[in-house]
Protein backbone atom coordinates (compact mmCIF):
# COMPACT_ATOMS: atom_id res chain seq x y z
CA MET A 1 -22.17 -11.73 -5.36
CA ASN A 2 -20.33 -11.56 -2.05
CA GLN A 3 -20.24 -8.30 -0.11
CA THR A 4 -17.53 -6.78 2.09
CA LYS A 5 -19.33 -7.86 5.28
CA THR A 6 -19.10 -11.53 4.36
CA TYR A 7 -16.03 -11.63 2.11
CA LYS A 8 -12.92 -12.86 3.92
CA ARG A 9 -9.45 -11.95 2.72
CA LYS A 10 -6.46 -14.20 3.26
CA LEU A 11 -5.33 -11.55 5.72
CA VAL A 12 -8.01 -12.76 8.14
CA GLY A 13 -6.49 -16.22 8.22
CA THR A 14 -3.04 -14.77 8.87
CA LEU A 15 -4.41 -12.75 11.78
CA LEU A 16 -6.19 -15.78 13.22
CA ASP A 17 -3.01 -17.86 13.10
CA ARG A 18 -1.05 -15.18 14.92
CA ILE A 19 -3.56 -14.44 17.68
CA ARG A 20 -4.10 -18.13 18.38
CA GLU A 21 -0.40 -18.63 19.05
CA GLU A 22 1.08 -18.52 22.52
CA ARG A 23 2.32 -15.10 23.59
CA GLY A 24 5.62 -14.43 21.89
CA PHE A 25 5.70 -11.14 20.01
CA LEU A 26 3.62 -8.03 19.69
CA GLN A 27 1.64 -8.32 16.46
CA VAL A 28 1.43 -5.20 14.30
CA LEU A 29 -1.14 -4.86 11.50
CA ALA A 30 -0.16 -1.96 9.27
CA GLY A 31 -1.16 -0.62 5.88
CA PRO A 32 -2.71 2.26 3.92
CA ARG A 33 -6.05 3.81 4.81
CA GLN A 34 -9.28 2.14 3.69
CA VAL A 35 -7.83 -1.27 2.81
CA GLY A 36 -9.87 -3.05 5.51
CA LYS A 37 -7.43 -3.47 8.42
CA THR A 38 -10.06 -2.98 11.12
CA HIS A 39 -12.66 -5.04 9.26
CA ALA A 40 -10.22 -7.94 8.84
CA LEU A 41 -9.33 -7.84 12.53
CA ARG A 42 -12.99 -7.82 13.58
CA GLN A 43 -13.61 -10.84 11.36
CA ALA A 44 -10.65 -12.62 12.94
CA LEU A 45 -11.83 -11.78 16.46
CA ARG A 46 -15.28 -13.19 15.73
CA GLU A 47 -13.74 -16.49 14.64
CA TYR A 48 -11.18 -16.46 17.44
CA GLY A 49 -13.76 -16.96 20.16
CA GLY A 50 -11.26 -16.45 22.96
CA SER A 51 -11.05 -13.72 25.57
CA ALA A 52 -10.36 -10.47 23.70
CA ARG A 53 -10.98 -6.73 23.79
CA TYR A 54 -10.86 -4.23 20.92
CA VAL A 55 -10.28 -0.52 21.64
CA LEU A 56 -9.99 2.48 19.32
CA ALA A 57 -7.44 5.16 20.13
CA GLU A 58 -8.58 7.71 17.56
CA ASP A 59 -9.52 11.26 18.53
CA LEU A 60 -8.55 10.94 22.17
CA GLY A 61 -6.49 14.09 22.30
CA ALA A 62 -2.76 14.58 22.65
CA SER A 63 -2.04 13.27 26.18
CA THR A 64 -3.38 9.74 26.19
CA ARG A 65 -0.63 7.60 27.67
CA GLU A 66 -2.73 7.34 30.82
CA TRP A 67 -5.65 6.04 28.76
CA LEU A 68 -3.40 3.47 27.11
CA GLU A 69 -2.02 2.26 30.44
CA SER A 70 -5.54 2.06 31.90
CA GLU A 71 -6.76 -0.09 29.01
CA TRP A 72 -3.66 -2.27 29.31
CA ASN A 73 -4.20 -2.78 33.02
CA GLN A 74 -7.80 -3.87 32.44
CA ALA A 75 -6.56 -6.37 29.86
CA ARG A 76 -4.00 -7.64 32.36
CA LEU A 77 -6.75 -8.39 34.86
CA ALA A 78 -8.69 -10.30 32.21
CA ALA A 79 -5.58 -12.26 31.21
CA ARG A 80 -4.94 -13.33 34.81
CA LYS A 81 -8.55 -14.41 35.28
CA THR A 82 -8.92 -16.33 32.01
CA GLY A 83 -5.34 -17.55 31.53
CA SER A 84 -5.05 -15.79 28.16
CA HIS A 85 -6.39 -12.50 26.82
CA LEU A 86 -5.93 -10.49 23.62
CA LEU A 87 -5.85 -6.68 23.57
CA ALA A 88 -6.28 -5.09 20.12
CA ILE A 89 -5.53 -1.36 19.90
CA ASP A 90 -6.59 0.42 16.70
CA GLU A 91 -5.11 3.74 15.47
CA ILE A 92 -2.28 3.38 17.97
CA GLN A 93 -0.39 6.30 16.42
CA LYS A 94 -3.02 8.65 17.88
CA VAL A 95 -1.63 8.00 21.35
CA ASP A 96 1.06 10.48 22.30
CA GLY A 97 4.25 8.63 23.21
CA TRP A 98 2.67 5.25 22.42
CA SER A 99 5.85 3.36 21.57
CA GLU A 100 7.65 4.04 24.85
CA THR A 101 4.53 3.21 26.84
CA VAL A 102 3.91 -0.03 24.93
CA LYS A 103 7.57 -1.04 25.38
CA ARG A 104 7.43 -0.53 29.14
CA LEU A 105 4.11 -2.35 29.59
CA TRP A 106 5.05 -5.22 27.27
CA ASP A 107 8.38 -5.73 29.05
CA GLU A 108 6.64 -5.70 32.43
CA ASP A 109 4.28 -8.45 31.26
CA THR A 110 7.16 -10.47 29.86
CA PHE A 111 9.01 -10.25 33.17
CA ASP A 112 5.89 -11.08 35.23
CA GLY A 113 4.69 -13.85 32.91
CA THR A 114 1.32 -12.15 32.32
CA PRO A 115 -0.50 -14.09 29.53
CA LEU A 116 -1.56 -10.97 27.64
CA LYS A 117 -1.28 -10.93 23.85
CA VAL A 118 -1.37 -7.58 22.04
CA ILE A 119 -2.03 -6.53 18.46
CA LEU A 120 -1.56 -2.93 17.26
CA LEU A 121 -3.16 -1.36 14.17
CA GLY A 122 -2.13 1.77 12.33
CA SER A 123 -0.52 3.24 9.23
CA SER A 124 2.68 1.63 7.92
CA ARG A 125 4.67 4.84 7.85
CA VAL A 126 3.72 5.97 11.33
CA LEU A 127 4.27 2.61 13.00
CA ILE A 128 7.57 1.79 11.33
CA GLN A 129 9.18 5.22 11.61
CA LYS A 130 7.59 6.48 14.83
CA GLY A 131 8.34 3.73 17.27
CA LEU A 132 8.67 0.21 15.99
CA ALA A 133 12.23 0.32 14.72
CA GLU A 134 13.49 2.29 17.72
CA SER A 135 11.54 1.55 20.90
CA LEU A 136 10.13 -1.87 20.02
CA ALA A 137 12.97 -3.45 18.06
CA GLY A 138 12.99 -7.21 18.52
CA ARG A 139 9.57 -7.29 20.18
CA PHE A 140 7.15 -7.32 17.24
CA GLU A 141 6.11 -9.05 14.04
CA LEU A 142 4.71 -6.95 11.19
CA ILE A 143 1.64 -8.03 9.22
CA GLN A 144 1.23 -5.96 6.07
CA ALA A 145 -2.31 -5.09 4.93
CA ARG A 146 -1.95 -4.26 1.26
CA HIS A 147 -4.28 -2.76 -1.32
CA TRP A 148 -6.93 -5.19 -2.54
CA THR A 149 -6.09 -7.19 -5.64
CA TYR A 150 -8.21 -7.60 -8.73
CA ALA A 151 -9.06 -11.17 -7.69
CA GLU A 152 -10.38 -9.93 -4.35
CA MET A 153 -12.44 -7.17 -5.96
CA ARG A 154 -13.79 -9.68 -8.48
CA ASP A 155 -14.82 -12.18 -5.81
CA ALA A 156 -16.25 -9.58 -3.42
CA PHE A 157 -17.89 -7.12 -5.85
CA GLY A 158 -18.04 -8.83 -9.24
CA PHE A 159 -15.34 -6.61 -10.78
CA THR A 160 -14.17 -7.23 -14.33
CA PRO A 161 -10.60 -6.35 -15.40
CA ASP A 162 -11.98 -3.13 -16.89
CA ASP A 163 -13.61 -2.27 -13.54
CA TYR A 164 -10.31 -2.80 -11.74
CA ILE A 165 -8.50 -0.63 -14.27
CA LEU A 166 -11.06 2.18 -14.08
CA PHE A 167 -12.06 2.09 -10.39
CA GLY A 168 -9.04 0.64 -8.65
CA SER A 169 -9.47 -1.47 -5.53
CA TYR A 170 -10.72 0.45 -2.50
CA PRO A 171 -13.50 -1.82 -1.15
CA GLY A 172 -15.45 1.02 0.46
CA ALA A 173 -15.75 2.83 -2.86
CA ALA A 174 -16.98 -0.16 -4.87
CA PRO A 175 -20.72 0.29 -4.13
CA LEU A 176 -20.51 3.93 -5.30
CA ARG A 177 -19.10 3.27 -8.76
CA ARG A 178 -22.50 3.65 -10.47
CA SER A 179 -22.42 7.35 -9.54
CA GLU A 180 -19.30 9.02 -10.91
CA ALA A 181 -19.64 12.16 -8.77
CA ARG A 182 -20.15 10.26 -5.50
CA TRP A 183 -17.38 7.81 -6.27
CA CYS A 184 -14.84 10.53 -7.09
CA ALA A 185 -15.80 12.53 -4.00
CA TYR A 186 -15.33 9.48 -1.77
CA ILE A 187 -11.85 8.76 -3.16
CA ARG A 188 -10.79 12.38 -2.81
CA ASP A 189 -12.40 13.29 0.52
CA SER A 190 -12.46 10.02 2.48
CA ILE A 191 -9.20 8.43 1.33
CA ALA A 192 -6.69 10.77 -0.29
CA GLU A 193 -7.26 13.84 1.91
CA PRO A 194 -7.10 12.00 5.29
CA SER A 195 -4.03 10.09 4.13
CA ILE A 196 -2.24 13.35 3.42
CA SER A 197 -3.56 15.55 6.23
CA ARG A 198 -3.59 12.98 9.04
CA ASP A 199 -0.97 10.41 8.11
CA ILE A 200 1.66 12.77 6.75
CA LEU A 201 1.14 16.45 7.58
CA GLN A 202 0.10 15.98 11.22
CA LEU A 203 2.78 13.42 12.00
CA GLU A 204 5.74 14.60 9.95
CA ARG A 205 7.58 17.90 9.81
CA ILE A 206 6.73 19.17 6.35
CA ALA A 207 8.25 22.52 5.47
CA LYS A 208 6.09 22.96 2.35
CA PRO A 209 2.73 21.21 2.76
CA ALA A 210 1.30 22.88 -0.36
CA LEU A 211 4.18 21.45 -2.36
CA LEU A 212 3.49 17.95 -1.06
CA ARG A 213 -0.13 18.21 -2.17
CA GLN A 214 0.93 19.50 -5.59
CA LEU A 215 3.36 16.61 -5.94
CA PHE A 216 0.63 14.11 -5.09
CA LEU A 217 -1.66 15.54 -7.78
CA LEU A 218 1.20 15.59 -10.29
CA ALA A 219 2.03 11.94 -9.54
CA CYS A 220 -1.62 10.95 -10.03
CA ARG A 221 -1.78 12.81 -13.33
CA TYR A 222 1.48 11.33 -14.63
CA SER A 223 1.11 7.82 -13.25
CA ALA A 224 2.94 5.26 -15.43
CA ARG A 225 5.26 7.94 -16.81
CA ILE A 226 8.94 8.56 -16.20
CA LEU A 227 9.40 12.11 -15.01
CA SER A 228 12.73 13.58 -13.96
CA TYR A 229 12.89 15.71 -10.85
CA GLN A 230 13.95 18.65 -13.00
CA LYS A 231 10.74 18.33 -15.05
CA MET A 232 8.74 18.11 -11.84
CA LEU A 233 10.40 21.28 -10.57
CA GLY A 234 9.29 23.04 -13.73
CA GLN A 235 5.62 22.15 -13.10
CA LEU A 236 5.40 22.85 -9.38
CA GLN A 237 5.18 26.18 -7.59
CA ASP A 238 7.79 26.92 -4.89
CA ALA A 239 9.28 23.51 -5.61
CA GLY A 240 12.54 23.91 -3.71
CA ASN A 241 14.93 21.24 -4.95
CA ALA A 242 15.08 17.64 -6.14
CA THR A 243 16.02 16.38 -2.67
CA THR A 244 12.82 17.83 -1.21
CA LEU A 245 10.71 16.26 -3.96
CA ALA A 246 12.36 12.87 -3.50
CA HIS A 247 11.66 13.03 0.24
CA TYR A 248 8.02 13.99 -0.25
CA LEU A 249 7.56 11.28 -2.88
CA ARG A 250 8.91 8.73 -0.41
CA LEU A 251 6.42 9.89 2.23
CA LEU A 252 3.54 9.59 -0.24
CA GLY A 253 4.69 6.08 -1.03
CA GLU A 254 4.86 5.10 2.62
CA ALA A 255 1.28 6.34 3.02
CA GLY A 256 0.21 3.95 0.24
CA LEU A 257 -0.71 6.70 -2.23
CA VAL A 258 1.90 7.03 -4.98
CA GLN A 259 5.38 5.66 -5.56
CA GLY A 260 8.42 6.70 -7.52
CA LEU A 261 9.73 3.50 -9.10
CA GLU A 262 13.49 3.42 -9.65
CA LYS A 263 15.23 2.44 -12.88
CA HIS A 264 16.64 -1.07 -12.89
CA TYR A 265 20.43 -1.16 -12.82
CA ALA A 266 22.78 -3.93 -11.85
CA GLU A 267 24.30 -1.46 -9.38
CA ALA A 268 21.89 -0.31 -6.65
CA VAL A 269 23.64 3.07 -6.26
CA ARG A 270 22.80 4.05 -9.83
CA SER A 271 19.13 3.13 -9.26
CA LYS A 272 18.91 5.68 -6.45
CA ALA A 273 20.03 8.44 -8.82
CA SER A 274 17.54 7.60 -11.60
CA SER A 275 14.50 9.58 -12.68
CA PRO A 276 11.42 8.02 -11.05
CA LYS A 277 8.56 6.36 -12.86
CA LEU A 278 5.49 7.67 -11.10
CA ALA A 279 2.96 5.03 -10.07
CA VAL A 280 -0.24 5.29 -8.08
CA CYS A 281 -0.59 2.47 -5.55
CA ASN A 282 -4.29 2.21 -6.37
CA ASN A 283 -5.72 3.12 -9.78
CA ALA A 284 -8.69 4.83 -8.13
CA LEU A 285 -6.35 7.75 -7.38
CA LEU A 286 -5.47 8.20 -11.04
CA THR A 287 -9.12 8.10 -12.11
CA ALA A 288 -10.57 10.26 -9.33
CA PHE A 289 -8.04 13.06 -9.83
CA SER A 290 -8.05 12.93 -13.62
CA PRO A 291 -9.38 16.00 -15.46
CA HIS A 292 -11.20 13.60 -17.78
CA SER A 293 -14.56 11.92 -17.21
CA LEU A 294 -14.82 8.16 -16.79
CA LYS A 295 -16.42 7.92 -20.22
CA THR A 296 -13.53 9.79 -21.83
CA LEU A 297 -10.91 7.72 -20.02
CA ARG A 298 -12.54 4.56 -21.31
CA SER A 299 -13.10 5.70 -24.90
CA VAL A 300 -9.85 7.50 -25.80
CA PRO A 301 -7.23 4.84 -26.65
CA GLU A 302 -4.23 6.86 -25.44
CA LEU A 303 -5.85 7.62 -22.08
CA TRP A 304 -7.05 4.03 -21.65
CA GLY A 305 -3.60 2.69 -22.48
CA ARG A 306 -2.06 4.84 -19.76
CA LEU A 307 -4.74 3.67 -17.32
CA VAL A 308 -4.06 0.01 -18.11
CA GLU A 309 -0.32 0.42 -17.62
CA SER A 310 -0.92 2.22 -14.33
CA ALA A 311 -3.22 -0.57 -13.14
CA ALA A 312 -0.53 -3.11 -14.05
CA GLY A 313 1.94 -1.27 -11.85
CA ALA A 314 -0.56 -1.07 -8.99
CA HIS A 315 -1.15 -4.83 -9.26
CA LEU A 316 2.56 -5.62 -9.08
CA LEU A 317 3.03 -3.29 -6.10
CA ALA A 318 0.06 -4.80 -4.25
CA THR A 319 1.19 -8.40 -4.75
CA ALA A 320 4.94 -7.98 -4.32
CA GLY A 321 5.86 -9.66 -1.06
CA ASP A 322 8.97 -9.14 1.04
CA GLY A 323 12.14 -9.25 -1.00
CA ILE A 324 10.41 -8.47 -4.31
CA GLY A 325 11.32 -5.23 -6.04
CA ILE A 326 9.34 -3.39 -8.72
CA SER A 327 11.22 -1.08 -11.09
CA TYR A 328 11.39 -0.04 -14.76
CA TRP A 329 14.11 0.04 -17.41
CA ASN A 330 14.95 2.22 -20.36
CA ASP A 331 17.80 2.97 -22.71
CA GLY A 332 17.02 6.03 -24.76
CA ALA A 333 13.70 5.41 -26.51
CA LYS A 334 13.75 1.72 -25.61
CA GLU A 335 11.72 1.05 -22.47
CA VAL A 336 10.40 -1.83 -20.42
CA ASP A 337 7.31 -0.85 -18.44
CA PHE A 338 8.04 -2.90 -15.32
CA ILE A 339 10.77 -5.14 -13.94
CA VAL A 340 10.08 -7.61 -11.12
CA SER A 341 13.14 -8.86 -9.25
CA ASP A 342 14.04 -10.84 -6.16
CA GLY A 343 17.72 -9.92 -6.37
CA GLU A 344 18.63 -12.91 -8.50
CA ARG A 345 15.79 -13.52 -10.96
CA LEU A 346 14.18 -10.96 -13.28
CA ALA A 347 10.85 -10.71 -15.09
CA ALA A 348 10.24 -7.94 -17.63
CA PHE A 349 6.80 -6.62 -18.63
CA GLU A 350 5.57 -4.65 -21.60
CA ILE A 351 1.91 -3.56 -21.35
CA LYS A 352 0.13 -3.13 -24.68
CA THR A 353 -3.50 -2.16 -25.35
CA SER A 354 -3.05 -2.19 -29.13
CA ARG A 355 -1.19 -4.60 -31.36
CA ALA A 356 2.46 -3.82 -32.05
CA ASP A 357 4.75 -5.80 -34.30
CA LYS A 358 7.87 -4.88 -32.38
CA VAL A 359 8.77 -4.48 -28.73
CA PRO A 360 12.33 -3.08 -28.88
CA GLY A 361 12.51 -2.49 -25.15
CA LEU A 362 11.95 -6.14 -24.28
CA HIS A 363 14.43 -7.27 -26.93
CA ALA A 364 17.12 -4.87 -25.69
CA PHE A 365 16.59 -5.82 -22.04
CA LYS A 366 16.70 -9.51 -22.92
CA ARG A 367 20.08 -9.03 -24.63
CA LEU A 368 21.44 -7.50 -21.43
CA HIS A 369 19.76 -10.08 -19.19
CA PRO A 370 19.41 -13.36 -21.14
CA THR A 371 17.89 -15.24 -18.19
CA ALA A 372 15.13 -12.66 -17.59
CA ARG A 373 11.58 -13.76 -18.30
CA SER A 374 9.83 -11.59 -20.89
CA ASN A 375 6.10 -10.92 -20.65
CA LEU A 376 3.93 -9.13 -23.18
CA VAL A 377 0.61 -8.24 -21.56
CA GLY A 378 -2.65 -6.93 -23.02
CA ALA A 379 -3.48 -6.88 -26.72
CA GLN A 380 -0.72 -9.40 -27.41
CA GLY A 381 0.53 -12.22 -25.23
CA MET A 382 -0.91 -12.63 -21.75
CA ASP A 383 -4.53 -11.53 -21.24
CA LEU A 384 -5.31 -9.06 -18.48
CA GLU A 385 -7.38 -11.54 -16.47
CA THR A 386 -4.39 -13.86 -16.20
CA PHE A 387 -1.98 -11.05 -15.41
CA PHE A 388 -4.18 -9.49 -12.72
CA THR A 389 -4.69 -12.86 -11.00
CA THR A 390 -0.98 -13.72 -10.86
CA PRO A 391 1.09 -12.43 -7.89
CA ALA A 392 4.31 -10.64 -8.77
CA ALA A 393 6.55 -13.34 -7.30
CA ASP A 394 4.94 -16.05 -9.43
CA PHE A 395 6.28 -14.43 -12.59
CA LEU A 396 9.81 -15.22 -11.38
CA ARG A 397 9.21 -18.96 -11.07
C-alpha cells in the first residue's frame, strides 16, 4: 500500500508544469485545510530541481510586510545570479497587507525583467476575496487543490467504497481510522476548528460567531437533506434572519466545509431563492460530528443511506471542474438527489442503498428534460465503485 509521503496526486504534475514555464503569471495554489497543498508543492519542488526557496508566513504577527519584502528581495538576488528562481510563499494570508505588497513587488520585477517566478499558497476564500480579485487582477493563475477523491484514498491508503463513505477523504486522518476516538478528535480539532476559527472568524467580520458554529454543526447533521432557512431558524439560537444564514453558509462553503446546494431551475434567479440542500464537502465531517457511533452509522440502514448519499454529493463536489454545477431537484415529494450541469447538458442522480421498484423523481425530471442522462446509483444500477471513480464531468459525455 502506498503512503502519503510517496503517493503523488495529479496536482503535483500540474504544479510542476506551471513552475517549469517561463515567468508569465503569479501562480496561486488554493484550497481547503488539510488537503495536502503544502505536501504537493514540496513534492513538485523536489522534482523541479531548479533554483527555488520555500518560506512559511504563518504565525509571524500582524505587521509582516517588511518580512515579505525582505524574502522577496533575497529571491530577486538569487534570480539574478542563477537566471531563474522560484519563490514559494505558504500561508500568504497571514501577512498583513499581502496583496498590495505582492502587486507592487511583482510589477517592479515585470518592469525590470527580473526572472523571478512566484507561487502563493493559502485558503481559497481568503485569497480570492482578500486580494486576488482586487489588487492582483490579471496577474495570476489559480490552481485549485480539492478534497481527495475516493480513487486517491484507495490508491494511497487502500480505502474501500465503505471506507470512503464512513471516513471521508482527509489524508492526514486516514492512519487514525482504527481508533474511533482519535480519528474523531483529529477531524474536529485539527481540521474543522481551525477552518472556522482561523479561516473565517479571524479574517471575516462575523457579527454572530456562535451562530456560524451552530450552523456548521446543523449542516453536518443534516447533510444530504433539503432544509429551508425558516426551518434552520427554528433550530438555531439567536438566528437572526435568512439572509444572515445564507451568508454564513456561503462562507462555510468557501472554507471547504459545507455547502448549500441550490435547486435546479431553468432560470438562475429562481435557483438563488430555493431552499438549500445541505452537503458536507468531505464525509468525515458528517461522521465525526454525528451523535451516533461508527458502528451504529454502519449498521442502521436509514443512517447508512444518508451517509452514502452525502458521500455521493461530496464526490461530485470534489470532482466538478470549472463550469460544472452541482444542484438538486424536487417537485413536491418527487426528488432527484443530485443534478450535474455544464449549462447545456444535464445528468440526474438518484442514490439508493436498498432496492426500489420506482424512482418517480427521475421519471418526472426526465419528462421535463428529455435529453438529461439518468443515473441510478447504489443498490440498483451503477455500483458505488464505478460512481466514485468517475469525475462529475464524465457523466455529461
